[in-house]
Amino acid sequence: MNDHPPTMQEDTWRIFRIMSEFVDGFETMSRIGAAVSIFGSARTPRTHSDYRKARSLARTLAERKFAIITGGGSGIMEAANRGAHDAGGTSVGLNISLPLEQKANPWADTRLDFRYFFARLVMFVKYSEAFVCFPGGFGTLHEFFNSMTLIQTHKSERFPVVLIGRSYWNGLVGWMRKNMLCRPFRKVDPEDLELFTLTDSVDKAAEIIAGAYDELLAQRAKGAARGMAETAEGTVVGRPPQTYTGRRR
């Protein structure tokens, strides 16, 4: 924690740093084309099957002309950047400054460095056509549940979210079905648990992503023909907040 609360001047300069991360990110990422973000643990060794799967999936997607975006670090991130590099595709690493500095992997040909997690997260969502989550820690869970929130609340177009590794994710999915969906809690609807796909197959993941992207292009073409309005966030989906008209209690 800071020894003293931030002053107005310090907060003002922080705003400019945040703005610079968005500007640099938008300028760089707007040029990469259709992309897939791949997440997973930085602790995954190169000898692990998950590393090999992530590298294979990224190579397959890059061969289909998708850019690959990762957090730019080691483990699964390195594997995905490496797979894109293997195929001669666009390999993007969005690195983050951490107290224990994250080491950037050498296979990210396009690299951005971020101080703020939230600015970095915007780049993942704004410039990705799909998310793939390999086994990972809190960061991977953050990216997964953030995507679920955006899709569920219609703040984003629906996009494929694929969890790879049944033995890792089955426990979480089972907990969601038992506690979040069923009584006595009932915190989500049945269709909310259909917003992601769980699989062990990288080939299935690639087919889901490619198929969904073709459908998305067709939907966007129809939307443009109808002249759909954009929201303040630059999307063509979502509804404005409802105005409260009831009695206050």
Protein backbone atom coordinates (compact mmCIF):
# COMPACT_ATOMS: atom_id res chain seq x y z
CA MET A 1 0.00 0.00 0.00
CA ASN A 2 1.07 3.61 -0.56
CA ASP A 3 2.48 5.53 2.39
CA HIS A 4 0.23 8.45 1.50
CA PRO A 5 -3.00 8.84 -0.47
CA PRO A 6 -2.54 10.01 -4.08
CA THR A 7 -2.76 13.72 -4.70
CA MET A 8 -4.88 15.28 -7.42
CA GLN A 9 -1.73 15.91 -9.46
CA GLU A 10 -0.67 12.26 -9.19
CA ASP A 11 -4.13 11.09 -10.25
CA THR A 12 -4.11 13.49 -13.19
CA TRP A 13 -0.82 12.10 -14.47
CA ARG A 14 -2.16 8.60 -13.96
CA ILE A 15 -5.04 9.45 -16.30
CA PHE A 16 -2.55 10.45 -19.01
CA ARG A 17 -0.64 7.17 -18.55
CA ILE A 18 -3.91 5.25 -18.90
CA MET A 19 -4.83 7.22 -22.02
CA SER A 20 -1.44 6.50 -23.56
CA GLU A 21 -1.92 2.76 -23.06
CA PHE A 22 -5.28 2.88 -24.80
CA VAL A 23 -3.99 5.03 -27.67
CA ASP A 24 -0.91 2.85 -28.24
CA GLY A 25 -3.03 -0.27 -27.96
CA PHE A 26 -5.72 0.90 -30.37
CA GLU A 27 -3.17 2.07 -32.95
CA THR A 28 -1.26 -1.23 -32.88
CA MET A 29 -4.11 -3.70 -32.48
CA SER A 30 -6.35 -2.13 -35.14
CA ARG A 31 -3.88 -3.39 -37.76
CA ILE A 32 -3.73 -7.08 -36.82
CA GLY A 33 -6.98 -8.29 -38.42
CA ALA A 34 -9.11 -11.17 -37.15
CA ALA A 35 -7.53 -12.62 -34.01
CA VAL A 36 -7.94 -15.23 -31.29
CA SER A 37 -6.80 -14.72 -27.70
CA ILE A 38 -5.28 -17.75 -26.00
CA PHE A 39 -4.95 -17.83 -22.21
CA GLY A 40 -3.40 -20.24 -19.74
CA SER A 41 -0.85 -20.64 -17.01
CA ALA A 42 2.60 -19.08 -17.23
CA ARG A 43 3.77 -22.04 -15.10
CA THR A 44 3.10 -24.67 -17.77
CA PRO A 45 6.45 -26.26 -18.75
CA ARG A 46 7.45 -26.84 -22.36
CA THR A 47 7.32 -30.60 -21.78
CA HIS A 48 3.63 -30.55 -20.78
CA SER A 49 0.90 -31.76 -23.11
CA ASP A 50 -0.99 -28.48 -22.62
CA TYR A 51 2.00 -26.59 -24.00
CA ARG A 52 2.06 -28.82 -27.07
CA LYS A 53 -1.70 -28.44 -27.56
CA ALA A 54 -1.56 -24.66 -27.28
CA ARG A 55 1.27 -24.49 -29.79
CA SER A 56 -0.59 -26.80 -32.20
CA LEU A 57 -3.87 -24.86 -31.90
CA ALA A 58 -2.16 -21.52 -32.46
CA ARG A 59 -0.35 -22.89 -35.52
CA THR A 60 -3.63 -24.22 -36.96
CA LEU A 61 -5.43 -20.91 -36.37
CA ALA A 62 -2.54 -18.90 -37.81
CA GLU A 63 -2.66 -21.08 -40.93
CA ARG A 64 -6.31 -20.01 -41.19
CA LYS A 65 -5.14 -16.39 -41.13
CA PHE A 66 -6.07 -15.60 -37.53
CA ALA A 67 -3.63 -13.50 -35.53
CA ILE A 68 -2.81 -14.97 -32.12
CA ILE A 69 -2.93 -12.77 -29.03
CA THR A 70 -1.53 -13.79 -25.64
CA GLY A 71 -0.40 -12.15 -22.44
CA GLY A 72 3.14 -12.29 -23.80
CA GLY A 73 4.69 -14.34 -20.99
CA SER A 74 5.87 -17.91 -20.54
CA GLY A 75 4.00 -21.22 -20.39
CA ILE A 76 0.81 -21.39 -22.44
CA MET A 77 1.34 -17.83 -23.66
CA GLU A 78 4.74 -18.72 -25.04
CA ALA A 79 3.37 -21.88 -26.64
CA ALA A 80 0.62 -19.97 -28.45
CA ASN A 81 2.94 -17.22 -29.68
CA ARG A 82 5.38 -19.89 -30.78
CA GLY A 83 2.70 -21.75 -32.72
CA ALA A 84 1.69 -18.59 -34.56
CA HIS A 85 5.34 -17.92 -35.32
CA ASP A 86 5.77 -21.48 -36.62
CA ALA A 87 3.06 -20.80 -39.21
CA GLY A 88 4.45 -17.40 -40.18
CA GLY A 89 1.34 -15.75 -38.73
CA THR A 90 0.82 -12.63 -36.65
CA SER A 91 1.95 -13.30 -33.08
CA VAL A 92 0.98 -10.67 -30.49
CA GLY A 93 2.11 -10.45 -26.86
CA LEU A 94 0.38 -8.04 -24.48
CA ASN A 95 2.80 -8.00 -21.61
CA ILE A 96 2.04 -6.64 -18.14
CA SER A 97 4.33 -5.02 -15.58
CA LEU A 98 4.19 -7.01 -12.34
CA PRO A 99 5.95 -6.70 -8.95
CA LEU A 100 7.78 -9.90 -9.90
CA GLU A 101 8.52 -8.88 -13.46
CA GLN A 102 7.00 -11.11 -16.12
CA LYS A 103 9.55 -12.20 -18.68
CA ALA A 104 8.38 -11.65 -22.25
CA ASN A 105 8.65 -14.68 -24.51
CA PRO A 106 10.69 -14.31 -27.73
CA TRP A 107 7.96 -15.52 -30.13
CA ALA A 108 5.69 -12.48 -29.93
CA ASP A 109 6.52 -10.46 -33.05
CA THR A 110 4.14 -7.64 -32.07
CA ARG A 111 4.54 -6.60 -28.47
CA LEU A 112 2.81 -4.08 -26.22
CA ASP A 113 3.67 -3.42 -22.58
CA PHE A 114 0.95 -2.47 -20.11
CA ARG A 115 0.98 -1.08 -16.60
CA TYR A 116 -2.79 -1.46 -16.11
CA PHE A 117 -4.62 -4.79 -16.25
CA PHE A 118 -7.92 -3.20 -17.28
CA ALA A 119 -6.39 -1.46 -20.32
CA ARG A 120 -4.80 -4.74 -21.37
CA LEU A 121 -8.07 -6.62 -20.90
CA VAL A 122 -9.85 -4.20 -23.24
CA MET A 123 -7.37 -5.10 -25.99
CA PHE A 124 -8.06 -8.82 -25.56
CA VAL A 125 -11.81 -8.33 -25.84
CA LYS A 126 -11.95 -5.59 -28.46
CA TYR A 127 -9.64 -7.27 -30.96
CA SER A 128 -10.47 -10.97 -30.54
CA GLU A 129 -12.99 -13.07 -32.41
CA ALA A 130 -12.68 -15.89 -29.86
CA PHE A 131 -11.15 -16.78 -26.50
CA VAL A 132 -9.43 -20.08 -25.73
CA CYS A 133 -8.64 -20.89 -22.11
CA PHE A 134 -6.16 -23.63 -21.28
CA PRO A 135 -5.66 -24.64 -17.64
CA GLY A 136 -4.50 -21.59 -15.70
CA GLY A 137 -4.75 -19.64 -12.48
CA PHE A 138 -6.60 -16.56 -11.29
CA GLY A 139 -5.66 -14.57 -14.40
CA THR A 140 -7.12 -17.17 -16.75
CA LEU A 141 -10.27 -17.38 -14.64
CA HIS A 142 -10.53 -13.60 -14.73
CA GLU A 143 -10.44 -13.55 -18.52
CA PHE A 144 -12.94 -16.42 -18.73
CA PHE A 145 -15.49 -14.90 -16.37
CA ASN A 146 -15.06 -11.44 -17.85
CA SER A 147 -15.99 -12.86 -21.25
CA MET A 148 -19.01 -14.62 -19.73
CA THR A 149 -20.18 -11.36 -18.14
CA LEU A 150 -19.86 -9.35 -21.36
CA ILE A 151 -21.72 -11.94 -23.43
CA GLN A 152 -24.40 -12.61 -20.79
CA THR A 153 -25.18 -8.91 -20.36
CA HIS A 154 -25.10 -8.22 -24.13
CA LYS A 155 -22.27 -5.73 -23.77
CA SER A 156 -20.46 -7.71 -26.45
CA GLU A 157 -21.45 -9.70 -29.47
CA ARG A 158 -21.44 -13.37 -28.63
CA PHE A 159 -18.11 -14.93 -29.50
CA PRO A 160 -16.73 -18.44 -28.99
CA VAL A 161 -15.18 -19.15 -25.60
CA VAL A 162 -13.51 -22.55 -25.51
CA LEU A 163 -12.15 -24.25 -22.38
CA ILE A 164 -9.56 -26.88 -23.25
CA GLY A 165 -8.87 -29.65 -20.74
CA ARG A 166 -11.83 -31.52 -19.29
CA SER A 167 -9.87 -32.93 -16.37
CA TYR A 168 -9.00 -29.38 -15.28
CA TRP A 169 -12.27 -27.55 -15.98
CA ASN A 170 -14.84 -30.25 -15.13
CA GLY A 171 -14.76 -29.40 -11.42
CA LEU A 172 -15.48 -25.72 -12.05
CA VAL A 173 -18.21 -26.45 -14.58
CA GLY A 174 -19.78 -28.97 -12.19
CA TRP A 175 -19.75 -26.39 -9.39
CA MET A 176 -21.43 -23.84 -11.67
CA ARG A 177 -24.15 -26.32 -12.59
CA LYS A 178 -24.70 -27.41 -8.98
CA ASN A 179 -24.44 -24.11 -7.12
CA MET A 180 -24.92 -21.28 -9.61
CA LEU A 181 -27.71 -22.90 -11.63
CA CYS A 182 -29.68 -25.05 -9.21
CA ARG A 183 -31.65 -24.30 -6.08
CA PRO A 184 -31.35 -22.92 -3.50
CA PHE A 185 -29.01 -20.39 -5.13
CA ARG A 186 -30.19 -20.03 -8.77
CA LYS A 187 -27.72 -17.27 -9.76
CA VAL A 188 -27.66 -17.97 -13.52
CA ASP A 189 -30.04 -19.27 -16.18
CA PRO A 190 -29.55 -22.59 -18.01
CA GLU A 191 -28.66 -20.81 -21.25
CA ASP A 192 -25.83 -18.95 -19.49
CA LEU A 193 -23.98 -22.24 -19.14
CA GLU A 194 -24.21 -22.71 -22.89
CA LEU A 195 -22.04 -19.63 -23.56
CA PHE A 196 -18.83 -21.67 -23.56
CA THR A 197 -17.60 -25.00 -24.91
CA LEU A 198 -15.55 -27.55 -22.98
CA THR A 199 -13.36 -29.92 -24.99
CA ASP A 200 -10.05 -31.76 -25.09
CA SER A 201 -9.72 -31.43 -28.85
CA VAL A 202 -7.72 -28.60 -30.43
CA ASP A 203 -9.18 -29.59 -33.82
CA LYS A 204 -12.71 -29.10 -32.48
CA ALA A 205 -11.69 -25.76 -30.97
CA ALA A 206 -10.31 -24.59 -34.33
CA GLU A 207 -13.47 -25.68 -36.16
CA ILE A 208 -15.73 -23.90 -33.65
CA ILE A 209 -13.73 -20.67 -33.98
CA ALA A 210 -13.53 -20.73 -37.78
CA GLY A 211 -17.22 -21.58 -38.17
CA ALA A 212 -18.34 -18.91 -35.73
CA TYR A 213 -16.21 -16.30 -37.47
CA ASP A 214 -17.81 -17.05 -40.84
CA GLU A 215 -21.26 -16.69 -39.25
CA LEU A 216 -20.22 -13.46 -37.54
CA LEU A 217 -19.11 -11.90 -40.82
CA ALA A 218 -22.50 -12.71 -42.33
CA GLN A 219 -24.34 -11.27 -39.32
CA ARG A 220 -22.29 -8.09 -39.38
CA ALA A 221 -23.02 -7.66 -43.07
CA LYS A 222 -26.76 -7.92 -42.37
CA GLY A 223 -26.42 -5.53 -39.43
CA ALA A 224 -24.61 -2.95 -41.56
CA ALA A 225 -27.33 -3.25 -44.22
CA ARG A 226 -29.98 -2.45 -41.60
CA GLY A 227 -27.95 0.49 -40.29
CA MET A 228 -27.70 -0.77 -36.71
CA ALA A 229 -26.62 1.92 -34.23
CA GLU A 230 -23.48 1.58 -32.15
CA THR A 231 -23.43 1.86 -28.39
CA ALA A 232 -21.08 4.17 -26.53
CA GLU A 233 -18.66 1.26 -26.29
CA GLY A 234 -18.51 0.88 -30.06
CA THR A 235 -20.62 -2.28 -30.20
CA VAL A 236 -23.91 -2.87 -32.01
CA VAL A 237 -25.51 -4.80 -29.20
CA GLY A 238 -26.79 -4.14 -25.71
CA ARG A 239 -29.68 -2.18 -24.30
CA PRO A 240 -29.63 1.14 -22.40
CA PRO A 241 -30.18 0.90 -18.62
CA GLN A 242 -33.84 0.98 -17.61
CA THR A 243 -34.97 4.06 -15.69
CA TYR A 244 -36.26 3.29 -12.22
CA THR A 245 -39.93 4.29 -11.98
CA GLY A 246 -41.08 2.37 -8.89
CA ARG A 247 -41.44 3.51 -5.28
CA ARG A 248 -38.30 3.76 -3.15
CA ARG A 249 -38.35 1.62 -0.05
